[in-house]
């Protein structure tokens, strides 16, 4: 019985981890859309992290969410003034809106 309980806890934690990552990704995209950060207009990554709860800001999952958004080509990143700056990819506008709606 203990083994089964442990497996259920592991599956539950994995599902919550995935949901948190998608939650963070959608939150980042919503903030960028609301601030109208498309194409050449950009904002610092630290400003973007203010869109999520404080307990998630420095976590590894937050960095993974940013990397996955960049891999999906929803955001573009550039190094400017010693800080990473982020903007939405205007070529993927419809895909971004569809992802946020899900």
N, C-alpha and C. Protein backbone atom coordinates (compact mmCIF):
# COMPACT_ATOMS: atom_id res chain seq x y z
N UNK A 1 0.84 -1.19 0.00
CA UNK A 1 0.00 0.00 0.00
C UNK A 1 0.88 1.25 0.00
N UNK A 2 1.99 1.25 0.70
CA UNK A 2 2.87 2.42 0.72
C UNK A 2 3.42 2.72 -0.67
N UNK A 3 3.79 1.69 -1.40
CA UNK A 3 4.36 1.90 -2.72
C UNK A 3 3.34 2.58 -3.64
N UNK A 4 2.10 2.12 -3.59
CA UNK A 4 1.06 2.71 -4.44
C UNK A 4 0.85 4.17 -4.07
N UNK A 5 0.86 4.50 -2.80
CA UNK A 5 0.69 5.89 -2.37
C UNK A 5 1.84 6.74 -2.89
N UNK A 6 3.06 6.22 -2.79
CA UNK A 6 4.23 6.95 -3.27
C UNK A 6 4.17 7.20 -4.77
N UNK A 7 3.70 6.24 -5.53
CA UNK A 7 3.58 6.40 -6.98
C UNK A 7 2.54 7.47 -7.30
N UNK A 8 1.43 7.46 -6.60
CA UNK A 8 0.39 8.46 -6.83
C UNK A 8 0.89 9.86 -6.53
N UNK A 9 1.67 10.01 -5.48
CA UNK A 9 2.22 11.31 -5.13
C UNK A 9 3.17 11.78 -6.23
N UNK A 10 3.99 10.88 -6.76
CA UNK A 10 4.93 11.23 -7.82
C UNK A 10 4.17 11.70 -9.07
N UNK A 11 3.14 10.97 -9.46
CA UNK A 11 2.35 11.34 -10.63
C UNK A 11 1.68 12.68 -10.39
N UNK A 12 1.15 12.91 -9.22
CA UNK A 12 0.50 14.18 -8.90
C UNK A 12 1.50 15.33 -8.97
N UNK A 13 2.69 15.14 -8.42
CA UNK A 13 3.72 16.19 -8.48
C UNK A 13 4.13 16.48 -9.92
N UNK A 14 4.25 15.45 -10.75
CA UNK A 14 4.64 15.65 -12.15
C UNK A 14 3.56 16.45 -12.88
N UNK A 15 2.30 16.13 -12.66
CA UNK A 15 1.20 16.86 -13.31
C UNK A 15 1.18 18.32 -12.87
N UNK A 16 1.38 18.56 -11.58
CA UNK A 16 1.41 19.94 -11.07
C UNK A 16 2.59 20.69 -11.66
N UNK A 17 3.73 20.01 -11.83
CA UNK A 17 4.92 20.64 -12.42
C UNK A 17 4.61 21.09 -13.84
N UNK A 18 3.98 20.22 -14.61
CA UNK A 18 3.66 20.56 -16.00
C UNK A 18 2.64 21.70 -16.05
N UNK A 19 1.64 21.65 -15.20
CA UNK A 19 0.62 22.70 -15.18
C UNK A 19 1.25 24.03 -14.78
N UNK A 20 2.16 24.02 -13.84
CA UNK A 20 2.82 25.26 -13.43
C UNK A 20 3.62 25.86 -14.58
N UNK A 21 4.29 25.02 -15.35
CA UNK A 21 5.10 25.50 -16.46
C UNK A 21 4.21 26.15 -17.53
N UNK A 22 3.12 25.52 -17.86
CA UNK A 22 2.20 26.09 -18.85
C UNK A 22 1.57 27.36 -18.30
N UNK A 23 1.24 27.36 -17.01
CA UNK A 23 0.70 28.56 -16.36
C UNK A 23 1.67 29.72 -16.48
N UNK A 24 2.94 29.47 -16.21
CA UNK A 24 3.97 30.52 -16.29
C UNK A 24 4.11 31.01 -17.73
N UNK A 25 4.14 30.10 -18.67
CA UNK A 25 4.28 30.48 -20.08
C UNK A 25 3.13 31.37 -20.52
N UNK A 26 1.91 30.99 -20.17
CA UNK A 26 0.74 31.79 -20.55
C UNK A 26 0.75 33.15 -19.85
N UNK A 27 1.18 33.17 -18.61
CA UNK A 27 1.24 34.43 -17.86
C UNK A 27 2.23 35.39 -18.50
N UNK A 28 3.40 34.87 -18.91
CA UNK A 28 4.41 35.69 -19.59
C UNK A 28 3.85 36.25 -20.90
N UNK A 29 3.23 35.37 -21.68
CA UNK A 29 2.70 35.81 -22.97
C UNK A 29 1.60 36.86 -22.79
N UNK A 30 0.72 36.65 -21.80
CA UNK A 30 -0.35 37.62 -21.55
C UNK A 30 0.21 38.98 -21.18
N UNK A 31 1.25 38.99 -20.34
CA UNK A 31 1.85 40.26 -19.94
C UNK A 31 2.46 40.97 -21.14
N UNK A 32 3.17 40.24 -21.97
CA UNK A 32 3.78 40.85 -23.15
C UNK A 32 2.71 41.37 -24.12
N UNK A 33 1.63 40.63 -24.27
CA UNK A 33 0.53 41.08 -25.15
C UNK A 33 -0.10 42.35 -24.58
N UNK A 34 -0.37 42.36 -23.29
CA UNK A 34 -1.00 43.54 -22.67
C UNK A 34 -0.11 44.78 -22.73
N UNK A 35 1.21 44.58 -22.65
CA UNK A 35 2.14 45.71 -22.75
C UNK A 35 2.46 46.06 -24.20
N UNK A 36 1.93 45.29 -25.15
CA UNK A 36 2.14 45.50 -26.58
C UNK A 36 3.63 45.45 -26.94
N UNK A 37 4.29 44.39 -26.45
CA UNK A 37 5.73 44.20 -26.69
C UNK A 37 5.90 43.26 -27.89
N UNK A 38 5.81 43.79 -29.09
CA UNK A 38 5.93 43.02 -30.32
C UNK A 38 7.15 43.50 -31.11
N UNK A 39 7.85 42.58 -31.75
CA UNK A 39 8.92 42.91 -32.68
C UNK A 39 10.07 43.68 -32.06
N UNK A 40 10.29 44.93 -32.50
CA UNK A 40 11.42 45.73 -32.07
C UNK A 40 11.30 46.28 -30.67
N UNK A 41 10.11 46.33 -30.13
CA UNK A 41 9.91 46.82 -28.76
C UNK A 41 10.21 45.67 -27.81
N UNK A 42 10.95 45.92 -26.73
CA UNK A 42 11.34 44.83 -25.83
C UNK A 42 11.34 45.30 -24.39
N UNK A 43 11.36 44.33 -23.48
CA UNK A 43 11.40 44.60 -22.05
C UNK A 43 12.37 43.64 -21.39
N UNK A 44 12.88 44.01 -20.22
CA UNK A 44 13.82 43.16 -19.49
C UNK A 44 13.11 41.91 -18.96
N UNK A 45 13.88 40.85 -18.85
CA UNK A 45 13.35 39.60 -18.31
C UNK A 45 12.90 39.79 -16.85
N UNK A 46 13.60 40.63 -16.09
CA UNK A 46 13.22 40.86 -14.69
C UNK A 46 11.84 41.52 -14.61
N UNK A 47 11.51 42.39 -15.55
CA UNK A 47 10.17 42.99 -15.57
C UNK A 47 9.12 41.94 -15.91
N UNK A 48 9.47 41.02 -16.78
CA UNK A 48 8.54 39.97 -17.17
C UNK A 48 8.24 39.04 -16.00
N UNK A 49 9.25 38.76 -15.19
CA UNK A 49 9.07 37.85 -14.05
C UNK A 49 8.13 38.41 -12.99
N UNK A 50 7.85 39.70 -13.02
CA UNK A 50 6.92 40.29 -12.07
C UNK A 50 5.49 39.84 -12.32
N UNK A 51 5.24 39.17 -13.43
CA UNK A 51 3.90 38.70 -13.77
C UNK A 51 3.52 37.42 -13.04
N UNK A 52 4.50 36.74 -12.43
CA UNK A 52 4.21 35.47 -11.76
C UNK A 52 4.38 35.63 -10.25
N UNK A 53 3.82 34.71 -9.47
CA UNK A 53 3.95 34.79 -8.01
C UNK A 53 5.42 34.77 -7.56
N UNK A 54 5.69 35.40 -6.44
CA UNK A 54 7.06 35.55 -5.94
C UNK A 54 7.77 34.22 -5.71
N UNK A 55 7.03 33.21 -5.28
CA UNK A 55 7.68 31.94 -4.97
C UNK A 55 8.15 31.21 -6.23
N UNK A 56 7.74 31.65 -7.41
CA UNK A 56 8.16 31.01 -8.66
C UNK A 56 9.22 31.81 -9.42
N UNK A 57 9.50 33.02 -9.01
CA UNK A 57 10.37 33.92 -9.80
C UNK A 57 11.80 33.41 -9.97
N UNK A 58 12.40 32.86 -8.95
CA UNK A 58 13.78 32.41 -9.05
C UNK A 58 13.92 30.93 -9.31
N UNK A 59 12.83 30.26 -9.55
CA UNK A 59 12.85 28.80 -9.69
C UNK A 59 13.35 28.37 -11.07
N UNK A 60 13.81 27.14 -11.12
CA UNK A 60 14.30 26.55 -12.37
C UNK A 60 13.18 26.44 -13.40
N UNK A 61 11.96 26.19 -12.93
CA UNK A 61 10.82 26.03 -13.83
C UNK A 61 10.56 27.33 -14.62
N UNK A 62 10.84 28.47 -14.01
CA UNK A 62 10.65 29.75 -14.68
C UNK A 62 11.63 29.89 -15.84
N UNK A 63 12.89 29.54 -15.59
CA UNK A 63 13.90 29.59 -16.66
C UNK A 63 13.56 28.62 -17.78
N UNK A 64 13.05 27.43 -17.41
CA UNK A 64 12.66 26.46 -18.42
C UNK A 64 11.49 26.97 -19.26
N UNK A 65 10.56 27.69 -18.63
CA UNK A 65 9.42 28.24 -19.36
C UNK A 65 9.88 29.26 -20.39
N UNK A 66 10.84 30.11 -20.02
CA UNK A 66 11.38 31.11 -20.95
C UNK A 66 12.10 30.42 -22.10
N UNK A 67 12.91 29.39 -21.78
CA UNK A 67 13.63 28.67 -22.82
C UNK A 67 12.67 27.96 -23.77
N UNK A 68 11.59 27.41 -23.24
CA UNK A 68 10.63 26.72 -24.10
C UNK A 68 9.88 27.71 -25.00
N UNK A 69 9.54 28.88 -24.47
CA UNK A 69 8.91 29.90 -25.31
C UNK A 69 9.84 30.34 -26.43
N UNK A 70 11.12 30.44 -26.13
CA UNK A 70 12.10 30.80 -27.16
C UNK A 70 12.24 29.67 -28.18
N UNK A 71 12.21 28.42 -27.72
CA UNK A 71 12.31 27.28 -28.63
C UNK A 71 11.09 27.18 -29.54
N UNK A 72 9.92 27.56 -29.02
CA UNK A 72 8.70 27.58 -29.82
C UNK A 72 8.65 28.79 -30.74
N UNK A 73 9.63 29.67 -30.60
CA UNK A 73 9.76 30.90 -31.38
C UNK A 73 8.60 31.87 -31.12
N UNK A 74 8.00 31.81 -29.93
CA UNK A 74 6.97 32.77 -29.54
C UNK A 74 7.61 34.07 -29.08
N UNK A 75 8.81 33.98 -28.50
CA UNK A 75 9.51 35.17 -28.05
C UNK A 75 10.89 35.22 -28.68
N UNK A 76 11.42 36.42 -28.80
CA UNK A 76 12.80 36.60 -29.23
C UNK A 76 13.57 37.22 -28.07
N UNK A 77 14.80 36.80 -27.91
CA UNK A 77 15.62 37.31 -26.82
C UNK A 77 16.84 38.01 -27.41
N UNK A 78 17.33 39.01 -26.69
CA UNK A 78 18.56 39.68 -27.09
C UNK A 78 19.24 40.21 -25.84
N UNK A 79 20.55 40.29 -25.89
CA UNK A 79 21.34 40.82 -24.79
C UNK A 79 21.45 42.33 -24.98
N UNK A 80 21.01 43.10 -24.01
CA UNK A 80 21.09 44.56 -24.11
C UNK A 80 21.27 45.14 -22.72
N UNK A 81 22.17 46.06 -22.59
CA UNK A 81 22.50 46.73 -21.31
C UNK A 81 22.79 45.73 -20.19
N UNK A 82 23.45 44.64 -20.54
CA UNK A 82 23.83 43.65 -19.54
C UNK A 82 22.69 42.76 -19.06
N UNK A 83 21.54 42.90 -19.61
CA UNK A 83 20.36 42.15 -19.20
C UNK A 83 19.72 41.52 -20.44
N UNK A 84 19.02 40.42 -20.25
CA UNK A 84 18.32 39.78 -21.36
C UNK A 84 16.99 40.52 -21.58
N UNK A 85 16.73 40.89 -22.82
CA UNK A 85 15.49 41.56 -23.18
C UNK A 85 14.65 40.63 -24.04
N UNK A 86 13.33 40.75 -23.87
CA UNK A 86 12.38 39.82 -24.49
C UNK A 86 11.35 40.62 -25.28
N UNK A 87 10.93 40.06 -26.43
CA UNK A 87 9.79 40.61 -27.17
C UNK A 87 9.05 39.47 -27.85
N UNK A 88 7.81 39.72 -28.20
CA UNK A 88 7.00 38.71 -28.88
C UNK A 88 7.36 38.68 -30.36
N UNK A 89 7.30 37.49 -30.94
CA UNK A 89 7.57 37.31 -32.36
C UNK A 89 6.30 37.65 -33.13
N UNK A 90 6.32 38.73 -33.88
CA UNK A 90 5.12 39.19 -34.59
C UNK A 90 4.72 38.24 -35.72
N UNK A 91 5.64 37.40 -36.18
CA UNK A 91 5.31 36.44 -37.23
C UNK A 91 4.49 35.27 -36.71
N UNK A 92 4.48 35.06 -35.41
CA UNK A 92 3.74 33.95 -34.79
C UNK A 92 2.54 34.47 -33.99
N UNK A 93 2.02 35.62 -34.37
CA UNK A 93 0.97 36.27 -33.59
C UNK A 93 -0.26 35.39 -33.38
N UNK A 94 -0.78 34.78 -34.45
CA UNK A 94 -1.98 33.95 -34.31
C UNK A 94 -1.73 32.73 -33.45
N UNK A 95 -0.57 32.11 -33.60
CA UNK A 95 -0.23 30.94 -32.78
C UNK A 95 -0.13 31.32 -31.31
N UNK A 96 0.41 32.49 -31.03
CA UNK A 96 0.52 32.95 -29.64
C UNK A 96 -0.86 33.15 -29.04
N UNK A 97 -1.76 33.81 -29.78
CA UNK A 97 -3.12 34.01 -29.28
C UNK A 97 -3.83 32.68 -29.05
N UNK A 98 -3.64 31.72 -29.94
CA UNK A 98 -4.26 30.40 -29.77
C UNK A 98 -3.72 29.68 -28.54
N UNK A 99 -2.41 29.78 -28.30
CA UNK A 99 -1.79 29.13 -27.13
C UNK A 99 -2.32 29.72 -25.83
N UNK A 100 -2.47 31.04 -25.80
CA UNK A 100 -2.95 31.71 -24.59
C UNK A 100 -4.41 31.36 -24.33
N UNK A 101 -5.20 31.19 -25.38
CA UNK A 101 -6.62 30.88 -25.23
C UNK A 101 -6.87 29.50 -24.65
N UNK A 102 -5.99 28.52 -24.95
CA UNK A 102 -6.19 27.13 -24.49
C UNK A 102 -6.34 27.03 -23.01
